[in-house]
Amino acid sequence: MESLYGVYNLAAIKESPVLLQLAMSEIFFRTRLTVGDKKYADRIKYTDIDEAHHLLKNPSDVEQLVSYIRTSRKDFGGLGLWSQNAHEFQNIEAWPAVRSAASSFFFMAD
């Protein structure tokens, strides 16, 4: 990660659940690697994941995400999980684990 910013537009694969989940998993994996990297120790690292309920459908991604949430704070890291509807998170089997690892919640009216 040589740039201070990274943005991925997944519009071309948003209608393919399998490809979307794979792409989101790969992007999250690569982004997560920078948090504990000593090269970036002095930088604040924040990741926003839009339509995060897609990522949360994969148990191994959930395990990595919970670990990231619990440990990233010490490395100046943070994470935002976004969705159009909060109920999409409620329907995820691992939501209680994700929720217990979080420090803040923000809900906005439609």
Protein backbone atom coordinates (compact mmCIF):
# COMPACT_ATOMS: atom_id res chain seq x y z
CA MET A 1 0.00 0.00 0.00
CA GLU A 2 2.03 2.91 -1.25
CA SER A 3 -0.83 5.41 -1.39
CA LEU A 4 -2.45 6.99 1.64
CA TYR A 5 -5.88 6.25 0.15
CA GLY A 6 -7.45 3.31 -1.58
CA VAL A 7 -10.90 3.09 -3.13
CA TYR A 8 -12.40 0.09 -4.86
CA ASN A 9 -15.49 0.32 -7.03
CA LEU A 10 -17.19 -3.08 -7.18
CA ALA A 11 -20.19 -1.95 -9.25
CA ALA A 12 -19.25 -4.26 -12.13
CA ILE A 13 -19.64 -7.36 -9.94
CA LYS A 14 -22.33 -6.27 -7.48
CA GLU A 15 -24.94 -8.53 -9.06
CA SER A 16 -22.74 -11.62 -8.66
CA PRO A 17 -22.83 -12.63 -4.98
CA VAL A 18 -19.96 -15.11 -5.34
CA LEU A 19 -17.61 -12.67 -7.09
CA LEU A 20 -18.60 -9.83 -4.79
CA GLN A 21 -17.86 -11.84 -1.67
CA LEU A 22 -14.51 -13.01 -3.07
CA ALA A 23 -13.47 -9.49 -4.05
CA MET A 24 -14.49 -8.04 -0.70
CA SER A 25 -12.62 -10.80 1.14
CA GLU A 26 -9.46 -10.16 -0.85
CA ILE A 27 -9.61 -6.39 -0.40
CA PHE A 28 -10.22 -6.74 3.34
CA PHE A 29 -7.35 -9.23 3.66
CA ARG A 30 -4.89 -6.90 1.91
CA THR A 31 -6.10 -3.85 3.82
CA ARG A 32 -5.85 -5.67 7.14
CA LEU A 33 -2.19 -6.45 6.53
CA THR A 34 -1.25 -2.76 6.65
CA VAL A 35 -2.64 -2.21 10.15
CA GLY A 36 0.06 -4.11 12.04
CA ASP A 37 2.83 -3.26 9.56
CA LYS A 38 5.60 -1.33 11.35
CA LYS A 39 6.14 0.71 8.16
CA TYR A 40 2.78 2.38 8.80
CA ALA A 41 2.96 2.49 12.62
CA ASP A 42 2.74 6.28 12.75
CA ARG A 43 -0.31 6.56 10.49
CA ILE A 44 -3.97 6.42 11.37
CA LYS A 45 -5.62 3.65 9.37
CA TYR A 46 -9.36 3.58 8.82
CA THR A 47 -11.33 1.24 6.59
CA ASP A 48 -14.95 1.69 5.51
CA ILE A 49 -16.74 -1.33 4.09
CA ASP A 50 -19.98 -0.51 2.29
CA GLU A 51 -22.59 -3.27 2.03
CA ALA A 52 -20.60 -5.07 4.73
CA HIS A 53 -23.28 -7.72 5.18
CA HIS A 54 -21.83 -9.42 2.08
CA LEU A 55 -18.43 -9.78 3.77
CA LEU A 56 -20.06 -10.98 7.00
CA LYS A 57 -21.63 -13.98 5.28
CA ASN A 58 -18.26 -15.75 5.15
CA PRO A 59 -17.29 -17.29 8.55
CA SER A 60 -13.54 -16.93 7.96
CA ASP A 61 -13.99 -13.25 7.05
CA VAL A 62 -16.02 -12.73 10.22
CA GLU A 63 -13.26 -14.31 12.30
CA GLN A 64 -10.66 -12.01 10.71
CA LEU A 65 -12.95 -8.99 11.03
CA VAL A 66 -13.58 -9.55 14.75
CA SER A 67 -9.84 -9.96 15.31
CA TYR A 68 -9.20 -6.76 13.35
CA ILE A 69 -11.78 -4.82 15.37
CA ARG A 70 -10.35 -6.01 18.68
CA THR A 71 -6.68 -5.39 17.86
CA SER A 72 -6.56 -2.52 15.37
CA ARG A 73 -7.06 0.21 17.96
CA LYS A 74 -3.56 -0.25 19.36
CA ASP A 75 -2.17 0.33 15.84
CA PHE A 76 -4.27 3.46 15.18
CA GLY A 77 -6.75 1.45 13.12
CA GLY A 78 -10.49 1.71 12.81
CA LEU A 79 -13.29 0.15 10.81
CA GLY A 80 -16.70 1.25 9.61
CA LEU A 81 -19.30 -1.28 8.49
CA TRP A 82 -22.01 0.22 6.31
CA SER A 83 -25.32 -0.97 4.93
CA GLN A 84 -28.57 0.50 3.69
CA ASN A 85 -30.50 -1.33 6.38
CA ALA A 86 -29.39 -2.25 9.91
CA HIS A 87 -31.54 -5.39 9.74
CA GLU A 88 -29.06 -6.84 7.22
CA PHE A 89 -26.55 -7.08 10.07
CA GLN A 90 -29.07 -8.55 12.46
CA ASN A 91 -29.64 -11.45 10.05
CA ILE A 92 -25.92 -12.40 10.04
CA GLU A 93 -25.23 -15.43 12.23
CA ALA A 94 -22.00 -13.95 13.62
CA TRP A 95 -23.46 -10.50 14.32
CA PRO A 96 -23.31 -10.95 18.14
CA ALA A 97 -19.52 -11.50 17.92
CA VAL A 98 -19.03 -8.49 15.65
CA ARG A 99 -21.28 -6.35 17.84
CA SER A 100 -19.43 -7.32 21.03
CA ALA A 101 -16.08 -6.36 19.49
CA ALA A 102 -17.25 -2.90 18.43
CA SER A 103 -16.79 0.19 20.54
CA SER A 104 -19.32 2.52 18.87
CA PHE A 105 -22.51 2.34 16.83
CA PHE A 106 -24.05 5.03 14.64
CA PHE A 107 -27.50 4.69 13.12
CA MET A 108 -28.92 7.30 10.79
CA ALA A 109 -32.51 7.87 9.76
CA ASP A 110 -33.57 7.31 6.17
